[in-house]
């Protein structure tokens, strides 16, 4: 962070937004790759399926212990 602030101070042409400058140099405003969004959606779906399977597993375990 300190190095980025020094770079901002030493910048000959000051940017309009210091916050945008910081985000850009810290990598927070990197453009999103479309594949990343697809993978995020896939991970969310997998988490939902995982939770459903865990719930089904609990129900089946209780059925097995009852019998």
PDB file of N, CA and C in Angstrom:
ATOM      1  N   UNK A   1       0.834  -1.192   0.000  1.00  0.00           N
ATOM      2  CA  UNK A   1       0.000   0.000   0.000  1.00  0.00           C
ATOM      3  C   UNK A   1       0.875   1.250   0.000  1.00  0.00           C
ATOM      4  N   UNK A   2       1.912   1.221   0.813  1.00  0.00           N
ATOM      5  CA  UNK A   2       2.812   2.366   0.887  1.00  0.00           C
ATOM      6  C   UNK A   2       3.447   2.642  -0.475  1.00  0.00           C
ATOM      7  N   UNK A   3       3.871   1.596  -1.155  1.00  0.00           N
ATOM      8  CA  UNK A   3       4.502   1.762  -2.463  1.00  0.00           C
ATOM      9  C   UNK A   3       3.527   2.375  -3.465  1.00  0.00           C
ATOM     10  N   UNK A   4       2.258   1.991  -3.394  1.00  0.00           N
ATOM     11  CA  UNK A   4       1.257   2.541  -4.309  1.00  0.00           C
ATOM     12  C   UNK A   4       1.006   4.013  -3.997  1.00  0.00           C
ATOM     13  N   UNK A   5       0.979   4.352  -2.718  1.00  0.00           N
ATOM     14  CA  UNK A   5       0.797   5.759  -2.343  1.00  0.00           C
ATOM     15  C   UNK A   5       1.986   6.606  -2.797  1.00  0.00           C
ATOM     16  N   UNK A   6       3.179   6.057  -2.686  1.00  0.00           N
ATOM     17  CA  UNK A   6       4.362   6.770  -3.175  1.00  0.00           C
ATOM     18  C   UNK A   6       4.274   6.947  -4.689  1.00  0.00           C
ATOM     19  N   UNK A   7       3.843   5.906  -5.396  1.00  0.00           N
ATOM     20  CA  UNK A   7       3.691   5.998  -6.850  1.00  0.00           C
ATOM     21  C   UNK A   7       2.673   7.070  -7.215  1.00  0.00           C
ATOM     22  N   UNK A   8       1.607   7.180  -6.457  1.00  0.00           N
ATOM     23  CA  UNK A   8       0.598   8.219  -6.692  1.00  0.00           C
ATOM     24  C   UNK A   8       1.207   9.594  -6.473  1.00  0.00           C
ATOM     25  N   UNK A   9       1.975   9.741  -5.424  1.00  0.00           N
ATOM     26  CA  UNK A   9       2.620  11.019  -5.124  1.00  0.00           C
ATOM     27  C   UNK A   9       3.606  11.414  -6.219  1.00  0.00           C
ATOM     28  N   UNK A  10       4.329  10.429  -6.749  1.00  0.00           N
ATOM     29  CA  UNK A  10       5.354  10.699  -7.753  1.00  0.00           C
ATOM     30  C   UNK A  10       4.798  10.770  -9.175  1.00  0.00           C
ATOM     31  N   UNK A  11       3.531  10.472  -9.356  1.00  0.00           N
ATOM     32  CA  UNK A  11       2.908  10.499 -10.675  1.00  0.00           C
ATOM     33  C   UNK A  11       2.939  11.926 -11.232  1.00  0.00           C
ATOM     34  N   UNK A  12       3.553  12.124 -12.411  1.00  0.00           N
ATOM     35  CA  UNK A  12       3.634  13.490 -12.960  1.00  0.00           C
ATOM     36  C   UNK A  12       2.263  14.040 -13.365  1.00  0.00           C
ATOM     37  N   UNK A  13       1.409  13.206 -13.921  1.00  0.00           N
ATOM     38  CA  UNK A  13       0.055  13.625 -14.277  1.00  0.00           C
ATOM     39  C   UNK A  13      -0.903  12.996 -13.279  1.00  0.00           C
ATOM     40  N   UNK A  14      -1.372  13.796 -12.357  1.00  0.00           N
ATOM     41  CA  UNK A  14      -2.242  13.279 -11.297  1.00  0.00           C
ATOM     42  C   UNK A  14      -3.559  12.780 -11.891  1.00  0.00           C
ATOM     43  N   UNK A  15      -3.999  11.605 -11.456  1.00  0.00           N
ATOM     44  CA  UNK A  15      -5.269  11.063 -11.954  1.00  0.00           C
ATOM     45  C   UNK A  15      -6.449  11.855 -11.378  1.00  0.00           C
ATOM     46  N   UNK A  16      -7.585  11.750 -12.036  1.00  0.00           N
ATOM     47  CA  UNK A  16      -8.798  12.430 -11.561  1.00  0.00           C
ATOM     48  C   UNK A  16      -9.276  11.843 -10.239  1.00  0.00           C
ATOM     49  N   UNK A  17      -9.091  10.558 -10.075  1.00  0.00           N
ATOM     50  CA  UNK A  17      -9.561   9.889  -8.863  1.00  0.00           C
ATOM     51  C   UNK A  17      -8.417   9.096  -8.239  1.00  0.00           C
ATOM     52  N   UNK A  18      -8.020   9.508  -7.058  1.00  0.00           N
ATOM     53  CA  UNK A  18      -6.957   8.797  -6.355  1.00  0.00           C
ATOM     54  C   UNK A  18      -7.406   7.390  -5.986  1.00  0.00           C
ATOM     55  N   UNK A  19      -8.677   7.248  -5.674  1.00  0.00           N
ATOM     56  CA  UNK A  19      -9.201   5.929  -5.311  1.00  0.00           C
ATOM     57  C   UNK A  19      -9.112   4.953  -6.475  1.00  0.00           C
ATOM     58  N   UNK A  20      -9.460   5.418  -7.669  1.00  0.00           N
ATOM     59  CA  UNK A  20      -9.340   4.559  -8.850  1.00  0.00           C
ATOM     60  C   UNK A  20      -7.886   4.193  -9.116  1.00  0.00           C
ATOM     61  N   UNK A  21      -6.985   5.140  -8.903  1.00  0.00           N
ATOM     62  CA  UNK A  21      -5.557   4.873  -9.063  1.00  0.00           C
ATOM     63  C   UNK A  21      -5.114   3.766  -8.111  1.00  0.00           C
ATOM     64  N   UNK A  22      -5.543   3.865  -6.851  1.00  0.00           N
ATOM     65  CA  UNK A  22      -5.191   2.846  -5.862  1.00  0.00           C
ATOM     66  C   UNK A  22      -5.771   1.484  -6.240  1.00  0.00           C
ATOM     67  N   UNK A  23      -7.027   1.465  -6.631  1.00  0.00           N
ATOM     68  CA  UNK A  23      -7.662   0.200  -7.014  1.00  0.00           C
ATOM     69  C   UNK A  23      -6.941  -0.434  -8.189  1.00  0.00           C
ATOM     70  N   UNK A  24      -6.601   0.384  -9.176  1.00  0.00           N
ATOM     71  CA  UNK A  24      -5.921  -0.129 -10.360  1.00  0.00           C
ATOM     72  C   UNK A  24      -4.561  -0.728  -9.997  1.00  0.00           C
ATOM     73  N   UNK A  25      -3.802  -0.038  -9.162  1.00  0.00           N
ATOM     74  CA  UNK A  25      -2.464  -0.514  -8.823  1.00  0.00           C
ATOM     75  C   UNK A  25      -2.472  -1.649  -7.800  1.00  0.00           C
ATOM     76  N   UNK A  26      -3.561  -1.787  -7.073  1.00  0.00           N
ATOM     77  CA  UNK A  26      -3.666  -2.910  -6.133  1.00  0.00           C
ATOM     78  C   UNK A  26      -4.354  -4.110  -6.771  1.00  0.00           C
ATOM     79  N   UNK A  27      -4.836  -3.956  -8.000  1.00  0.00           N
ATOM     80  CA  UNK A  27      -5.442  -5.076  -8.703  1.00  0.00           C
ATOM     81  C   UNK A  27      -6.906  -5.270  -8.405  1.00  0.00           C
ATOM     82  N   UNK A  28      -7.534  -4.340  -7.699  1.00  0.00           N
ATOM     83  CA  UNK A  28      -8.947  -4.493  -7.350  1.00  0.00           C
ATOM     84  C   UNK A  28      -9.862  -4.233  -8.533  1.00  0.00           C
ATOM     85  N   UNK A  29      -9.409  -3.479  -9.497  1.00  0.00           N
ATOM     86  CA  UNK A  29     -10.284  -3.158 -10.622  1.00  0.00           C
ATOM     87  C   UNK A  29      -9.871  -3.899 -11.890  1.00  0.00           C
ATOM     88  N   UNK A  30      -9.249  -5.046 -11.722  1.00  0.00           N
ATOM     89  CA  UNK A  30      -8.842  -5.830 -12.887  1.00  0.00           C
ATOM     90  C   UNK A  30     -10.080  -6.281 -13.643  1.00  0.00           C
ATOM     91  N   UNK A  31     -10.049  -6.220 -14.947  1.00  0.00           N
ATOM     92  CA  UNK A  31     -11.226  -6.643 -15.712  1.00  0.00           C
ATOM     93  C   UNK A  31     -11.527  -8.115 -15.484  1.00  0.00           C
ATOM     94  N   UNK A  32     -12.803  -8.408 -15.383  1.00  0.00           N
ATOM     95  CA  UNK A  32     -13.247  -9.779 -15.137  1.00  0.00           C
ATOM     96  C   UNK A  32     -13.173 -10.607 -16.417  1.00  0.00           C
ATOM     97  N   UNK A  33     -12.714 -11.792 -16.263  1.00  0.00           N
ATOM     98  CA  UNK A  33     -12.684 -12.746 -17.359  1.00  0.00           C
ATOM     99  C   UNK A  33     -14.055 -13.430 -17.381  1.00  0.00           C
ATOM    100  N   UNK A  34     -14.704 -13.555 -18.527  1.00  0.00           N
ATOM    101  CA  UNK A  34     -16.028 -14.203 -18.572  1.00  0.00           C
ATOM    102  C   UNK A  34     -15.998 -15.631 -18.016  1.00  0.00           C
ATOM    103  N   UNK A  35     -14.870 -16.300 -18.174  1.00  0.00           N
ATOM    104  CA  UNK A  35     -14.754 -17.661 -17.665  1.00  0.00           C
ATOM    105  C   UNK A  35     -14.816 -17.677 -16.141  1.00  0.00           C
ATOM    106  N   UNK A  36     -14.321 -16.630 -15.507  1.00  0.00           N
ATOM    107  CA  UNK A  36     -14.352 -16.561 -14.045  1.00  0.00           C
ATOM    108  C   UNK A  36     -15.787 -16.523 -13.547  1.00  0.00           C
ATOM    109  N   UNK A  37     -16.626 -15.726 -14.198  1.00  0.00           N
ATOM    110  CA  UNK A  37     -18.025 -15.650 -13.790  1.00  0.00           C
ATOM    111  C   UNK A  37     -18.725 -16.991 -13.981  1.00  0.00           C
ATOM    112  N   UNK A  38     -18.421 -17.689 -15.059  1.00  0.00           N
ATOM    113  CA  UNK A  38     -18.992 -19.009 -15.298  1.00  0.00           C
ATOM    114  C   UNK A  38     -18.580 -19.974 -14.194  1.00  0.00           C
ATOM    115  N   UNK A  39     -17.317 -19.915 -13.809  1.00  0.00           N
ATOM    116  CA  UNK A  39     -16.825 -20.793 -12.740  1.00  0.00           C
ATOM    117  C   UNK A  39     -17.464 -20.451 -11.396  1.00  0.00           C
ATOM    118  N   UNK A  40     -17.688 -19.165 -11.146  1.00  0.00           N
ATOM    119  CA  UNK A  40     -18.350 -18.766  -9.892  1.00  0.00           C
ATOM    120  C   UNK A  40     -19.763 -19.332  -9.829  1.00  0.00           C
ATOM    121  N   UNK A  41     -20.475 -19.258 -10.943  1.00  0.00           N
ATOM    122  CA  UNK A  41     -21.831 -19.811 -10.980  1.00  0.00           C
ATOM    123  C   UNK A  41     -21.809 -21.320 -10.767  1.00  0.00           C
ATOM    124  N   UNK A  42     -20.833 -21.971 -11.379  1.00  0.00           N
ATOM    125  CA  UNK A  42     -20.713 -23.422 -11.229  1.00  0.00           C
ATOM    126  C   UNK A  42     -20.418 -23.791  -9.783  1.00  0.00           C
ATOM    127  N   UNK A  43     -19.555 -23.030  -9.138  1.00  0.00           N
ATOM    128  CA  UNK A  43     -19.237 -23.291  -7.732  1.00  0.00           C
ATOM    129  C   UNK A  43     -20.482 -23.110  -6.868  1.00  0.00           C
ATOM    130  N   UNK A  44     -21.260 -22.078  -7.141  1.00  0.00           N
ATOM    131  CA  UNK A  44     -22.485 -21.849  -6.368  1.00  0.00           C
ATOM    132  C   UNK A  44     -23.465 -23.009  -6.536  1.00  0.00           C
ATOM    133  N   UNK A  45     -23.595 -23.494  -7.760  1.00  0.00           N
ATOM    134  CA  UNK A  45     -24.481 -24.641  -8.008  1.00  0.00           C
ATOM    135  C   UNK A  45     -23.979 -25.885  -7.277  1.00  0.00           C
ATOM    136  N   UNK A  46     -22.688 -26.105  -7.316  1.00  0.00           N
ATOM    137  CA  UNK A  46     -22.114 -27.272  -6.651  1.00  0.00           C
ATOM    138  C   UNK A  46     -22.309 -27.198  -5.135  1.00  0.00           C
ATOM    139  N   UNK A  47     -22.208 -25.996  -4.578  1.00  0.00           N
ATOM    140  CA  UNK A  47     -22.437 -25.829  -3.137  1.00  0.00           C
ATOM    141  C   UNK A  47     -23.872 -26.180  -2.777  1.00  0.00           C
ATOM    142  N   UNK A  48     -24.823 -25.745  -3.625  1.00  0.00           N
ATOM    143  CA  UNK A  48     -26.223 -26.070  -3.376  1.00  0.00           C
ATOM    144  C   UNK A  48     -26.451 -27.571  -3.435  1.00  0.00           C
ATOM    145  N   UNK A  49     -25.879 -28.218  -4.447  1.00  0.00           N
ATOM    146  CA  UNK A  49     -26.016 -29.671  -4.569  1.00  0.00           C
ATOM    147  C   UNK A  49     -25.380 -30.380  -3.384  1.00  0.00           C
ATOM    148  N   UNK A  50     -24.240 -29.892  -2.945  1.00  0.00           N
ATOM    149  CA  UNK A  50     -23.545 -30.481  -1.799  1.00  0.00           C
ATOM    150  C   UNK A  50     -24.413 -30.404  -0.546  1.00  0.00           C
ATOM    151  N   UNK A  51     -25.015 -29.239  -0.318  1.00  0.00           N
ATOM    152  CA  UNK A  51     -25.880 -29.077   0.850  1.00  0.00           C
ATOM    153  C   UNK A  51     -27.083 -30.012   0.768  1.00  0.00           C
ATOM    154  N   UNK A  52     -27.650 -30.184  -0.420  1.00  0.00           N
ATOM    155  CA  UNK A  52     -28.795 -31.076  -0.590  1.00  0.00           C
ATOM    156  C   UNK A  52     -28.393 -32.526  -0.315  1.00  0.00           C
ATOM    157  N   UNK A  53     -27.216 -32.915  -0.783  1.00  0.00           N
ATOM    158  CA  UNK A  53     -26.735 -34.279  -0.561  1.00  0.00           C
ATOM    159  C   UNK A  53     -26.457 -34.504   0.932  1.00  0.00           C
ATOM    160  N   UNK A  54     -25.900 -33.505   1.604  1.00  0.00           N
ATOM    161  CA  UNK A  54     -25.673 -33.636   3.046  1.00  0.00           C
ATOM    162  C   UNK A  54     -26.982 -33.824   3.798  1.00  0.00           C
ATOM    163  N   UNK A  55     -27.995 -33.063   3.423  1.00  0.00           N
ATOM    164  CA  UNK A  55     -29.299 -33.178   4.076  1.00  0.00           C
ATOM    165  C   UNK A  55     -29.906 -34.564   3.822  1.00  0.00           C
ATOM    166  N   UNK A  56     -29.816 -35.030   2.586  1.00  0.00           N
ATOM    167  CA  UNK A  56     -30.325 -36.361   2.258  1.00  0.00           C
ATOM    168  C   UNK A  56     -29.567 -37.429   3.047  1.00  0.00           C
ATOM    169  N   UNK A  57     -28.272 -37.256   3.189  1.00  0.00           N
ATOM    170  CA  UNK A  57     -27.444 -38.197   3.937  1.00  0.00           C
ATOM    171  C   UNK A  57     -27.892 -38.262   5.396  1.00  0.00           C
ATOM    172  N   UNK A  58     -28.176 -37.118   5.986  1.00  0.00           N
ATOM    173  CA  UNK A  58     -28.639 -37.090   7.380  1.00  0.00           C
ATOM    174  C   UNK A  58     -29.958 -37.849   7.527  1.00  0.00           C
ATOM    175  N   UNK A  59     -30.878 -37.592   6.581  1.00  0.00           N
ATOM    176  CA  UNK A  59     -32.175 -38.270   6.632  1.00  0.00           C
ATOM    177  C   UNK A  59     -32.013 -39.781   6.506  1.00  0.00           C
ATOM    178  N   UNK A  60     -31.161 -40.217   5.591  1.00  0.00           N
ATOM    179  CA  UNK A  60     -30.954 -41.648   5.404  1.00  0.00           C
ATOM    180  C   UNK A  60     -30.284 -42.281   6.624  1.00  0.00           C
ATOM    181  N   UNK A  61     -29.374 -41.569   7.257  1.00  0.00           N
ATOM    182  CA  UNK A  61     -28.734 -42.095   8.465  1.00  0.00           C
ATOM    183  C   UNK A  61     -29.743 -42.268   9.587  1.00  0.00           C
ATOM    184  N   UNK A  62     -30.655 -41.325   9.719  1.00  0.00           N
ATOM    185  CA  UNK A  62     -31.668 -41.480  10.769  1.00  0.00           C
ATOM    186  C   UNK A  62     -32.604 -42.646  10.461  1.00  0.00           C
ATOM    187  N   UNK A  63     -32.924 -42.860   9.178  1.00  0.00           N
ATOM    188  CA  UNK A  63     -33.752 -44.006   8.812  1.00  0.00           C
ATOM    189  C   UNK A  63     -33.061 -45.308   9.124  1.00  0.00           C
ATOM    190  N   UNK A  64     -31.762 -45.365   8.856  1.00  0.00           N
ATOM    191  CA  UNK A  64     -31.002 -46.591   9.115  1.00  0.00           C
ATOM    192  C   UNK A  64     -30.932 -46.876  10.598  1.00  0.00           C
ATOM    193  N   UNK A  65     -30.750 -45.868  11.410  1.00  0.00           N
ATOM    194  CA  UNK A  65     -30.670 -46.104  12.865  1.00  0.00           C
ATOM    195  C   UNK A  65     -32.010 -46.495  13.441  1.00  0.00           C
ATOM    196  N   UNK A  66     -33.115 -46.048  12.829  1.00  0.00           N
ATOM    197  CA  UNK A  66     -34.443 -46.407  13.301  1.00  0.00           C
ATOM    198  C   UNK A  66     -34.713 -47.887  13.041  1.00  0.00           C
ATOM    199  N   UNK A  67     -34.273 -48.402  11.909  1.00  0.00           N
ATOM    200  CA  UNK A  67     -34.525 -49.797  11.574  1.00  0.00           C
ATOM    201  C   UNK A  67     -33.434 -50.608  12.164  1.00  0.00           C
TER     202      UNK A  67
END
